[in-house]
Amino acid sequence: MIQQLQDRFPGADCRIDEDSLEQYGRDWTRFHTVNARAIVFPRKEEDIVWLVDFARKNKVALVPSGGRTGLSAGAVATQGEIVVSLERMDKIIEYNEEEATIRCQAGVITANIHEFAEQQGLYYPVDFASSGSSQIGGNVATNAGGIRVIRYGMTREQVLGLRVVTGTGEILSLNNGLIKNATGYDLRHLMIGSEGTLGFITEVTIQLTTPPGPQAVVVLGIEDLSAVMPVLTSFRKELILSAFEFFSDQALTKVMEHQELKAPFDSRTNFYALIEVDMEKQGSDDKLMNCFEHAFEEGWIVDGVMSSSDAQAEALWKLREGISEAITPWTPYKNDISVTTSKVAAFLEAVDSKVNEAYPGFKNIWFGHIGDGNLHLNILKPDDMDVETFKDTCASFSDIIYRIVAEFGGSISAEHGVGLLKKDFLHYSRSEAEINIKKGIKKLFDPDGILNPGKIF
């Protein structure tokens, strides 16, 4: 079998050495043992069609692999699968100036799309900490969100078309870049967020947009969680918000230590809100100051700072965007959860109280995109606990947390996907009827079960 792969993918396009199997057989999660059979690097769509046919004939499974920045073990090979890395399918195929769209292969790095859009005087709004290494195919497969969802929406809102190779080797060209297309079921949206379980995304057509005007970044110190939503409501009434982020003082401490950064202001509070505001409209400066003053008068905030330059805005963003990297040494158990924005404060308090009560010796690091209801709870591994014991303990954490998620009508995965990490808890966000329909769809597109087995279900 391996010889056939090596004949079809000669040289470095097929790897079986231990280092490559370990490197490409996992994503950013570290809770599963890698067991990959081989790593292959297709260069064109026909290579993937051949791989699907090969996998069906040889009864071996395939795991799609992008930038491997996922946090739910959606790209981990644990059952002797062949990992299919899309990193060499990395071309921007076409730019349509009239439509302000680009058509690109799945392996294009997200940051390269940002850069290409900027060169055309345009803007690609989906952005997150891993954009320098994540790939657009993976972004689509997980419906990635990021820091500006409150204004621009998820990846789904930017995707006008897809090309996909299904588990039967069929090539689907979905939507063809159309803005309006009322011809029944839109299979493009079925593929978005499917985590590689229905097909290989090979090409993506993306809608670019007009760049935003000048932005100001504001960081506010908040003592009580109950003040977060009034602050959001007050600022949103008066201004156009591009981002509304949140992090705890514990998160701030970790990122300041890791990156040797200074606190945004002298006061230290329990929580912080980072707000990015569009300042293009006349009068935005006055409105922003009025919002500041009103928040102080109402007692919602203790202190605050506003950027006066691009450099300062970038420095303030580092306080939020550096958190994930700063806590990595503690092998965090990540919970990516969401509720409707009006329920965020009550939900966070309920989760935090329950987890602290059950496991008082653990540190909980909170941050997230609070403007769209998305919270990230990171439970840090104690220094004296091994990874396996920590993982088992956190599994009981998850059951506690996801029960509360269900009570609040929320989602166990806001933007990271289900993968291996959350599949046992899917019933907290999806009904039995929904899950059975999803399994039926999976069977239709992948009758032999060769595409990313064990993920989601």
Protein backbone atom coordinates (compact mmCIF):
# COMPACT_ATOMS: atom_id res chain seq x y z
CA MET A 1 0.00 0.00 0.00
CA ILE A 2 2.74 2.45 0.97
CA GLN A 3 4.64 1.66 -2.23
CA GLN A 4 1.57 2.60 -4.28
CA LEU A 5 1.37 5.92 -2.44
CA GLN A 6 5.06 6.60 -2.99
CA ASP A 7 4.75 5.77 -6.69
CA ARG A 8 1.86 8.24 -7.06
CA PHE A 9 3.41 10.86 -4.76
CA PRO A 10 7.18 10.56 -5.27
CA GLY A 11 9.93 12.02 -3.13
CA ALA A 12 8.90 14.45 -0.41
CA ASP A 13 5.24 14.36 -1.52
CA CYS A 14 4.84 11.18 0.56
CA ARG A 15 6.44 10.85 3.98
CA ILE A 16 6.50 7.97 6.43
CA ASP A 17 9.32 9.04 8.75
CA GLU A 18 8.47 9.27 12.44
CA ASP A 19 9.00 13.03 12.74
CA SER A 20 6.64 13.81 9.85
CA LEU A 21 3.99 11.41 11.13
CA GLU A 22 4.08 13.14 14.51
CA GLN A 23 4.20 16.67 13.08
CA TYR A 24 1.42 16.30 10.52
CA GLY A 25 -0.63 13.77 12.43
CA ARG A 26 -1.86 16.23 15.05
CA ASP A 27 -3.17 19.75 15.53
CA TRP A 28 -2.69 22.12 18.48
CA THR A 29 -4.44 19.73 20.88
CA ARG A 30 -2.19 17.39 22.86
CA PHE A 31 -4.64 14.91 24.38
CA HIS A 32 -4.53 12.11 21.78
CA THR A 33 -1.82 9.69 20.69
CA VAL A 34 -0.88 10.12 17.04
CA ASN A 35 -1.09 7.00 14.88
CA ALA A 36 -0.74 8.10 11.26
CA ARG A 37 0.23 5.67 8.49
CA ALA A 38 1.63 8.17 5.98
CA ILE A 39 1.55 11.86 5.07
CA VAL A 40 0.81 12.81 1.47
CA PHE A 41 0.97 16.25 -0.14
CA PRO A 42 -1.35 16.57 -3.15
CA ARG A 43 -0.65 19.41 -5.57
CA LYS A 44 -3.89 19.41 -7.55
CA GLU A 45 -7.51 18.35 -7.27
CA GLU A 46 -6.93 15.23 -9.39
CA ASP A 47 -4.49 13.98 -6.73
CA ILE A 48 -7.27 14.07 -4.14
CA VAL A 49 -9.70 12.24 -6.44
CA TRP A 50 -7.01 9.54 -6.83
CA LEU A 51 -6.53 9.38 -3.04
CA VAL A 52 -10.24 8.92 -2.40
CA ASP A 53 -10.38 6.08 -4.93
CA PHE A 54 -7.25 4.55 -3.39
CA ALA A 55 -8.68 4.80 0.13
CA ARG A 56 -11.95 3.15 -0.87
CA LYS A 57 -10.22 0.27 -2.62
CA ASN A 58 -7.74 -0.31 0.20
CA LYS A 59 -10.20 0.32 3.06
CA VAL A 60 -8.01 2.99 4.64
CA ALA A 61 -9.18 6.35 5.98
CA LEU A 62 -8.03 9.88 5.12
CA VAL A 63 -7.57 12.85 7.47
CA PRO A 64 -7.58 16.31 5.83
CA SER A 65 -4.86 18.56 7.23
CA GLY A 66 -4.47 22.33 6.83
CA GLY A 67 -2.43 24.57 9.09
CA ARG A 68 -3.14 22.21 12.02
CA THR A 69 -4.09 25.11 14.28
CA GLY A 70 -7.34 23.46 15.40
CA LEU A 71 -8.19 23.11 19.07
CA SER A 72 -10.69 20.22 19.01
CA ALA A 73 -8.47 17.45 17.56
CA GLY A 74 -10.33 17.64 14.26
CA ALA A 75 -7.13 17.01 12.27
CA VAL A 76 -5.58 14.33 14.48
CA ALA A 77 -4.86 10.88 13.00
CA THR A 78 -5.35 8.20 15.67
CA GLN A 79 -6.44 5.11 13.71
CA GLY A 80 -3.68 4.49 11.16
CA GLU A 81 -5.12 6.97 8.65
CA ILE A 82 -3.33 8.63 5.76
CA VAL A 83 -2.98 12.34 6.48
CA VAL A 84 -3.65 14.52 3.44
CA SER A 85 -1.85 17.84 3.84
CA LEU A 86 -3.18 20.63 1.62
CA GLU A 87 -0.20 22.92 2.22
CA ARG A 88 1.12 22.57 -1.36
CA MET A 89 -2.22 23.54 -2.88
CA ASP A 90 -1.51 27.16 -2.00
CA LYS A 91 -2.22 29.23 -5.11
CA ILE A 92 -4.49 32.23 -5.50
CA ILE A 93 -5.97 31.18 -8.82
CA GLU A 94 -7.99 34.20 -9.85
CA TYR A 95 -8.78 37.74 -8.76
CA ASN A 96 -12.00 39.28 -10.11
CA GLU A 97 -11.75 43.04 -9.81
CA GLU A 98 -15.37 43.70 -10.82
CA GLU A 99 -16.75 41.26 -8.26
CA ALA A 100 -14.06 41.96 -5.60
CA THR A 101 -13.59 38.20 -5.20
CA ILE A 102 -10.67 35.81 -5.17
CA ARG A 103 -10.66 32.12 -6.03
CA CYS A 104 -7.90 30.19 -4.30
CA GLN A 105 -6.77 26.70 -3.41
CA ALA A 106 -7.52 25.37 0.05
CA GLY A 107 -3.94 25.55 1.30
CA VAL A 108 -3.56 29.33 1.05
CA ILE A 109 -2.56 30.75 4.44
CA THR A 110 -5.16 33.12 5.88
CA ALA A 111 -2.65 35.95 6.39
CA ASN A 112 -1.70 35.73 2.70
CA ILE A 113 -5.33 36.41 1.82
CA HIS A 114 -5.26 39.46 4.10
CA GLU A 115 -2.11 40.67 2.37
CA PHE A 116 -3.44 40.01 -1.15
CA ALA A 117 -6.68 41.85 -0.37
CA GLU A 118 -4.72 44.81 0.98
CA GLN A 119 -2.66 44.97 -2.22
CA GLN A 120 -5.90 45.37 -4.16
CA GLY A 121 -7.12 48.10 -1.82
CA LEU A 122 -9.64 45.68 -0.30
CA TYR A 123 -10.11 43.81 2.96
CA TYR A 124 -10.68 40.25 4.17
CA PRO A 125 -12.29 40.63 7.60
CA VAL A 126 -11.92 37.15 9.17
CA ASP A 127 -8.95 37.41 11.51
CA PHE A 128 -7.65 35.54 14.55
CA ALA A 129 -4.41 34.80 16.38
CA SER A 130 -3.47 31.82 14.18
CA SER A 131 -4.02 33.58 10.82
CA GLY A 132 -0.28 33.42 10.10
CA SER A 133 -0.36 29.62 9.91
CA SER A 134 -4.00 28.57 9.44
CA GLN A 135 -5.24 27.81 5.92
CA ILE A 136 -8.42 28.93 4.22
CA GLY A 137 -9.64 25.36 3.66
CA GLY A 138 -9.42 24.69 7.39
CA ASN A 139 -11.09 28.03 8.12
CA VAL A 140 -14.03 27.00 5.94
CA ALA A 141 -14.12 23.44 7.32
CA THR A 142 -14.50 24.81 10.86
CA ASN A 143 -16.42 28.00 9.97
CA ALA A 144 -13.74 30.02 11.75
CA GLY A 145 -14.76 33.18 13.57
CA GLY A 146 -12.19 35.39 15.24
CA ILE A 147 -12.11 38.92 16.55
CA ARG A 148 -14.40 40.84 14.16
CA VAL A 149 -17.46 38.60 13.96
CA ILE A 150 -19.56 41.28 15.67
CA ARG A 151 -19.22 43.40 12.52
CA TYR A 152 -18.49 41.03 9.62
CA GLY A 153 -19.76 37.61 10.66
CA MET A 154 -18.09 34.19 10.51
CA THR A 155 -16.17 32.66 7.60
CA ARG A 156 -19.52 31.43 6.23
CA GLU A 157 -20.53 35.00 5.35
CA GLN A 158 -17.44 35.46 3.15
CA VAL A 159 -17.67 32.24 1.10
CA LEU A 160 -19.34 32.60 -2.32
CA GLY A 161 -18.28 29.28 -3.78
CA LEU A 162 -16.51 25.98 -3.12
CA ARG A 163 -15.07 23.04 -4.99
CA VAL A 164 -15.20 19.81 -3.03
CA VAL A 165 -14.15 16.19 -3.58
CA THR A 166 -16.61 13.92 -1.78
CA GLY A 167 -16.01 10.51 -0.21
CA THR A 168 -17.09 8.88 -3.47
CA GLY A 169 -14.59 10.88 -5.54
CA GLU A 170 -17.20 13.17 -7.08
CA ILE A 171 -16.20 16.79 -7.67
CA LEU A 172 -18.85 19.31 -6.62
CA SER A 173 -18.71 22.92 -7.78
CA LEU A 174 -20.94 24.74 -5.33
CA ASN A 175 -22.61 28.11 -5.97
CA ASN A 176 -20.01 29.32 -8.52
CA GLY A 177 -19.44 32.67 -6.79
CA LEU A 178 -23.05 33.80 -7.09
CA ILE A 179 -24.52 36.30 -4.64
CA LYS A 180 -28.09 35.28 -5.45
CA ASN A 181 -28.89 31.63 -6.16
CA ALA A 182 -32.34 30.44 -5.07
CA THR A 183 -32.21 26.90 -6.48
CA GLY A 184 -32.99 24.77 -3.47
CA TYR A 185 -30.55 23.28 -0.99
CA ASP A 186 -27.21 25.11 -0.89
CA LEU A 187 -24.64 22.35 -0.35
CA ARG A 188 -21.93 25.00 0.03
CA HIS A 189 -23.26 25.80 3.49
CA LEU A 190 -23.40 22.10 4.36
CA MET A 191 -19.66 21.83 3.67
CA ILE A 192 -18.84 24.92 5.72
CA GLY A 193 -18.22 23.69 9.26
CA SER A 194 -18.26 19.99 8.27
CA GLU A 195 -14.70 19.43 9.59
CA GLY A 196 -13.58 17.37 6.61
CA THR A 197 -16.15 14.63 7.25
CA LEU A 198 -18.12 15.15 4.01
CA GLY A 199 -15.42 16.03 1.51
CA PHE A 200 -12.09 17.66 0.76
CA ILE A 201 -12.42 21.39 0.13
CA THR A 202 -10.05 22.08 -2.79
CA GLU A 203 -10.99 25.63 -3.83
CA VAL A 204 -12.71 28.57 -2.17
CA THR A 205 -14.21 31.70 -3.73
CA ILE A 206 -14.10 34.54 -1.22
CA GLN A 207 -15.89 37.86 -1.15
CA LEU A 208 -13.60 40.74 -0.23
CA THR A 209 -14.92 44.02 1.11
CA THR A 210 -14.03 47.68 1.50
CA PRO A 211 -11.39 48.35 4.16
CA PRO A 212 -12.71 49.91 7.35
CA GLY A 213 -11.85 53.50 8.12
CA PRO A 214 -9.57 54.62 10.97
CA GLN A 215 -10.02 52.49 14.08
CA ALA A 216 -9.50 53.33 17.74
CA VAL A 217 -8.85 50.67 20.36
CA VAL A 218 -10.21 51.12 23.87
CA VAL A 219 -9.44 48.98 26.93
CA LEU A 220 -11.75 49.34 29.92
CA GLY A 221 -11.31 48.02 33.45
CA ILE A 222 -14.49 46.36 34.73
CA GLU A 223 -14.90 45.19 38.31
CA ASP A 224 -18.23 43.40 38.04
CA LEU A 225 -19.38 41.12 35.20
CA SER A 226 -22.87 42.57 35.36
CA ALA A 227 -21.45 45.78 33.83
CA VAL A 228 -20.16 44.12 30.65
CA MET A 229 -23.45 44.05 28.75
CA PRO A 230 -24.47 47.64 29.65
CA VAL A 231 -21.08 48.80 28.36
CA LEU A 232 -21.56 46.87 25.11
CA THR A 233 -25.09 48.22 24.66
CA SER A 234 -24.05 51.80 25.41
CA PHE A 235 -21.11 51.84 23.00
CA ARG A 236 -22.98 50.00 20.26
CA LYS A 237 -25.83 52.51 20.32
CA GLU A 238 -23.50 55.40 19.58
CA LEU A 239 -20.66 53.89 17.52
CA ILE A 240 -19.84 51.27 14.90
CA LEU A 241 -17.98 48.48 16.70
CA SER A 242 -15.56 46.25 14.85
CA ALA A 243 -14.70 44.14 17.91
CA PHE A 244 -15.76 43.75 21.52
CA GLU A 245 -13.37 41.44 23.35
CA PHE A 246 -13.07 40.34 26.95
CA PHE A 247 -10.38 38.91 29.24
CA SER A 248 -9.90 38.33 32.94
CA ASP A 249 -7.18 39.78 35.15
CA GLN A 250 -5.61 36.31 35.41
CA ALA A 251 -5.37 36.22 31.61
CA LEU A 252 -3.81 39.69 31.60
CA THR A 253 -1.23 38.60 34.17
CA LYS A 254 -0.19 35.60 32.06
CA VAL A 255 0.22 37.57 28.83
CA MET A 256 2.09 40.41 30.56
CA GLU A 257 4.56 37.93 32.04
CA HIS A 258 4.98 36.02 28.80
CA GLN A 259 5.48 39.02 26.50
CA GLU A 260 6.89 41.46 29.06
CA LEU A 261 4.07 43.91 28.46
CA LYS A 262 2.85 46.71 30.66
CA ALA A 263 -0.64 46.93 32.13
CA PRO A 264 -2.95 49.20 30.12
CA PHE A 265 -3.42 51.51 33.14
CA ASP A 266 -2.51 51.70 36.82
CA SER A 267 -5.70 50.16 38.19
CA ARG A 268 -6.13 46.38 38.17
CA THR A 269 -9.69 45.08 37.89
CA ASN A 270 -11.29 41.64 37.73
CA PHE A 271 -12.11 41.93 34.03
CA TYR A 272 -11.29 43.99 30.96
CA ALA A 273 -13.14 44.85 27.76
CA LEU A 274 -11.25 45.66 24.57
CA ILE A 275 -13.33 47.58 22.05
CA GLU A 276 -12.32 48.42 18.48
CA VAL A 277 -14.32 51.38 17.19
CA ASP A 278 -14.70 52.75 13.68
CA MET A 279 -13.76 56.42 13.79
CA GLU A 280 -14.46 57.32 10.17
CA LYS A 281 -17.76 59.13 10.67
CA GLN A 282 -17.70 62.76 11.66
CA GLY A 283 -18.29 63.21 15.36
CA SER A 284 -17.02 59.75 16.36
CA ASP A 285 -14.40 61.28 18.69
CA ASP A 286 -17.04 63.16 20.66
CA LYS A 287 -19.34 60.13 20.78
CA LEU A 288 -16.52 57.92 22.04
CA MET A 289 -15.67 60.38 24.82
CA ASN A 290 -19.36 60.60 25.76
CA CYS A 291 -19.53 56.81 26.00
CA PHE A 292 -16.42 56.83 28.21
CA GLU A 293 -17.86 59.45 30.54
CA HIS A 294 -21.26 57.77 30.70
CA ALA A 295 -19.67 54.42 31.63
CA PHE A 296 -17.69 56.10 34.42
CA GLU A 297 -20.75 57.94 35.71
CA GLU A 298 -22.80 54.75 35.79
CA GLY A 299 -20.03 52.96 37.70
CA TRP A 300 -19.64 50.32 35.00
CA ILE A 301 -15.91 50.91 34.56
CA VAL A 302 -13.07 51.71 36.95
CA ASP A 303 -10.45 52.89 34.47
CA GLY A 304 -9.77 53.02 30.75
CA VAL A 305 -7.40 53.93 27.97
CA MET A 306 -7.84 54.80 24.29
CA SER A 307 -5.20 54.39 21.60
CA SER A 308 -3.75 57.59 20.17
CA SER A 309 -1.71 55.90 17.42
CA ASP A 310 -1.59 52.72 15.36
CA ALA A 311 1.36 51.54 17.44
CA GLN A 312 -0.58 51.96 20.68
CA ALA A 313 -3.62 50.22 19.18
CA GLU A 314 -1.40 47.28 18.22
CA ALA A 315 0.08 47.19 21.73
CA LEU A 316 -3.39 47.10 23.30
CA TRP A 317 -4.46 44.28 20.98
CA LYS A 318 -1.46 42.23 22.14
CA LEU A 319 -2.98 42.12 25.62
CA ARG A 320 -5.86 40.11 24.18
CA GLU A 321 -4.30 38.24 21.26
CA GLY A 322 -1.25 37.05 23.20
CA ILE A 323 -3.25 35.10 25.76
CA SER A 324 -3.41 31.73 23.96
CA GLU A 325 0.33 31.59 23.42
CA ALA A 326 1.03 32.80 26.97
CA ILE A 327 -0.88 29.95 28.60
CA THR A 328 0.35 27.17 26.28
CA PRO A 329 3.05 25.95 28.75
CA TRP A 330 0.26 24.95 31.18
CA THR A 331 -1.34 22.54 28.62
CA PRO A 332 -4.71 24.30 28.89
CA TYR A 333 -7.92 22.35 28.52
CA LYS A 334 -9.84 24.67 26.21
CA ASN A 335 -13.56 25.23 26.26
CA ASP A 336 -14.94 27.25 23.35
CA ILE A 337 -18.55 27.94 24.27
CA SER A 338 -21.26 30.43 23.40
CA VAL A 339 -24.65 31.76 24.40
CA THR A 340 -26.70 34.68 23.14
CA THR A 341 -25.01 37.94 24.12
CA SER A 342 -27.71 38.98 26.59
CA LYS A 343 -26.96 35.84 28.66
CA VAL A 344 -23.17 36.12 28.71
CA ALA A 345 -22.67 37.63 32.18
CA ALA A 346 -25.06 35.26 33.95
CA PHE A 347 -23.68 32.28 32.05
CA LEU A 348 -20.04 33.09 32.84
CA GLU A 349 -20.82 33.54 36.52
CA ALA A 350 -22.71 30.24 36.62
CA VAL A 351 -19.87 28.31 34.96
CA ASP A 352 -17.10 29.97 36.97
CA SER A 353 -18.89 29.37 40.26
CA LYS A 354 -19.59 25.72 39.51
CA VAL A 355 -16.07 24.90 38.32
CA ASN A 356 -14.42 26.70 41.25
CA GLU A 357 -16.71 24.86 43.66
CA ALA A 358 -15.96 21.44 42.18
CA TYR A 359 -12.22 21.97 41.57
CA PRO A 360 -10.93 24.79 43.77
CA GLY A 361 -7.24 24.07 43.10
CA PHE A 362 -7.39 24.77 39.37
CA LYS A 363 -6.82 28.11 37.62
CA ASN A 364 -9.44 29.22 35.12
CA ILE A 365 -8.39 31.70 32.44
CA TRP A 366 -11.30 33.48 30.76
CA PHE A 367 -11.24 35.46 27.53
CA GLY A 368 -13.27 35.66 24.38
CA HIS A 369 -15.31 37.47 21.78
CA ILE A 370 -17.95 38.60 24.20
CA GLY A 371 -19.65 40.86 21.65
CA ASP A 372 -20.93 37.76 19.82
CA GLY A 373 -21.47 35.61 22.92
CA ASN A 374 -18.32 33.49 22.48
CA LEU A 375 -16.29 32.71 25.61
CA HIS A 376 -13.07 30.74 25.98
CA LEU A 377 -12.56 29.02 29.32
CA ASN A 378 -9.03 27.64 29.66
CA ILE A 379 -8.37 25.35 32.60
CA LEU A 380 -4.64 25.20 33.37
CA LYS A 381 -2.89 21.96 34.28
CA PRO A 382 -1.34 22.01 37.77
CA ASP A 383 2.42 21.56 37.71
CA ASP A 384 2.27 18.38 39.78
CA MET A 385 -0.35 16.60 37.61
CA ASP A 386 0.46 14.44 34.56
CA VAL A 387 -1.30 15.14 31.27
CA GLU A 388 -3.40 11.95 31.25
CA THR A 389 -4.78 12.55 34.75
CA PHE A 390 -5.45 16.18 33.84
CA LYS A 391 -7.30 15.13 30.69
CA ASP A 392 -9.49 12.66 32.61
CA THR A 393 -10.24 15.26 35.28
CA CYS A 394 -11.17 17.85 32.66
CA ALA A 395 -13.59 15.41 31.04
CA SER A 396 -15.66 15.70 34.21
CA PHE A 397 -15.23 19.50 33.99
CA SER A 398 -16.71 19.41 30.53
CA ASP A 399 -19.79 17.52 31.62
CA ILE A 400 -20.45 20.14 34.33
CA ILE A 401 -19.83 23.05 31.95
CA TYR A 402 -21.87 21.66 29.05
CA ARG A 403 -24.86 20.97 31.27
CA ILE A 404 -24.87 24.68 32.07
CA VAL A 405 -24.44 25.45 28.35
CA ALA A 406 -27.55 23.40 27.64
CA GLU A 407 -29.49 25.16 30.40
CA PHE A 408 -28.66 28.51 28.79
CA GLY A 409 -29.51 27.24 25.28
CA GLY A 410 -25.91 27.68 24.12
CA SER A 411 -23.32 25.84 22.04
CA ILE A 412 -20.52 23.55 23.25
CA SER A 413 -18.39 24.80 20.34
CA ALA A 414 -18.67 28.38 19.16
CA GLU A 415 -15.87 28.36 16.57
CA HIS A 416 -13.35 25.54 17.16
CA GLY A 417 -15.50 22.65 15.94
CA VAL A 418 -16.28 19.29 17.54
CA GLY A 419 -13.46 17.01 16.35
CA LEU A 420 -12.51 14.26 18.79
CA LEU A 421 -12.51 16.49 21.83
CA LYS A 422 -16.22 17.30 22.04
CA LYS A 423 -18.03 14.52 20.19
CA ASP A 424 -19.16 12.82 23.42
CA PHE A 425 -20.92 16.03 24.42
CA LEU A 426 -22.66 16.85 21.14
CA HIS A 427 -26.05 15.97 22.60
CA TYR A 428 -25.87 19.05 24.83
CA SER A 429 -26.18 21.29 21.74
CA ARG A 430 -27.91 19.06 19.18
CA SER A 431 -31.03 16.96 19.58
CA GLU A 432 -31.11 13.24 18.87
CA ALA A 433 -33.11 13.91 15.72
CA GLU A 434 -30.51 16.43 14.48
CA ILE A 435 -27.63 14.05 15.19
CA ASN A 436 -29.34 11.20 13.33
CA ILE A 437 -29.95 13.44 10.29
CA LYS A 438 -26.28 14.53 10.38
CA LYS A 439 -25.19 10.89 10.44
CA GLY A 440 -27.42 10.21 7.45
CA ILE A 441 -25.83 13.11 5.54
CA LYS A 442 -22.37 11.78 6.41
CA LYS A 443 -23.34 8.36 5.03
CA LEU A 444 -24.58 9.90 1.79
CA PHE A 445 -21.39 11.86 1.07
CA ASP A 446 -18.99 9.28 2.53
CA PRO A 447 -20.58 5.80 2.23
CA ASP A 448 -17.35 3.97 3.08
CA GLY A 449 -16.54 6.10 6.13
CA ILE A 450 -13.08 7.06 4.83
CA LEU A 451 -13.22 10.82 5.51
CA ASN A 452 -11.90 11.96 8.89
CA PRO A 453 -13.40 9.04 10.83
CA GLY A 454 -14.39 9.45 14.46
CA LYS A 455 -14.76 13.21 14.24
CA ILE A 456 -18.01 14.93 15.33
CA PHE A 457 -19.81 11.59 15.99
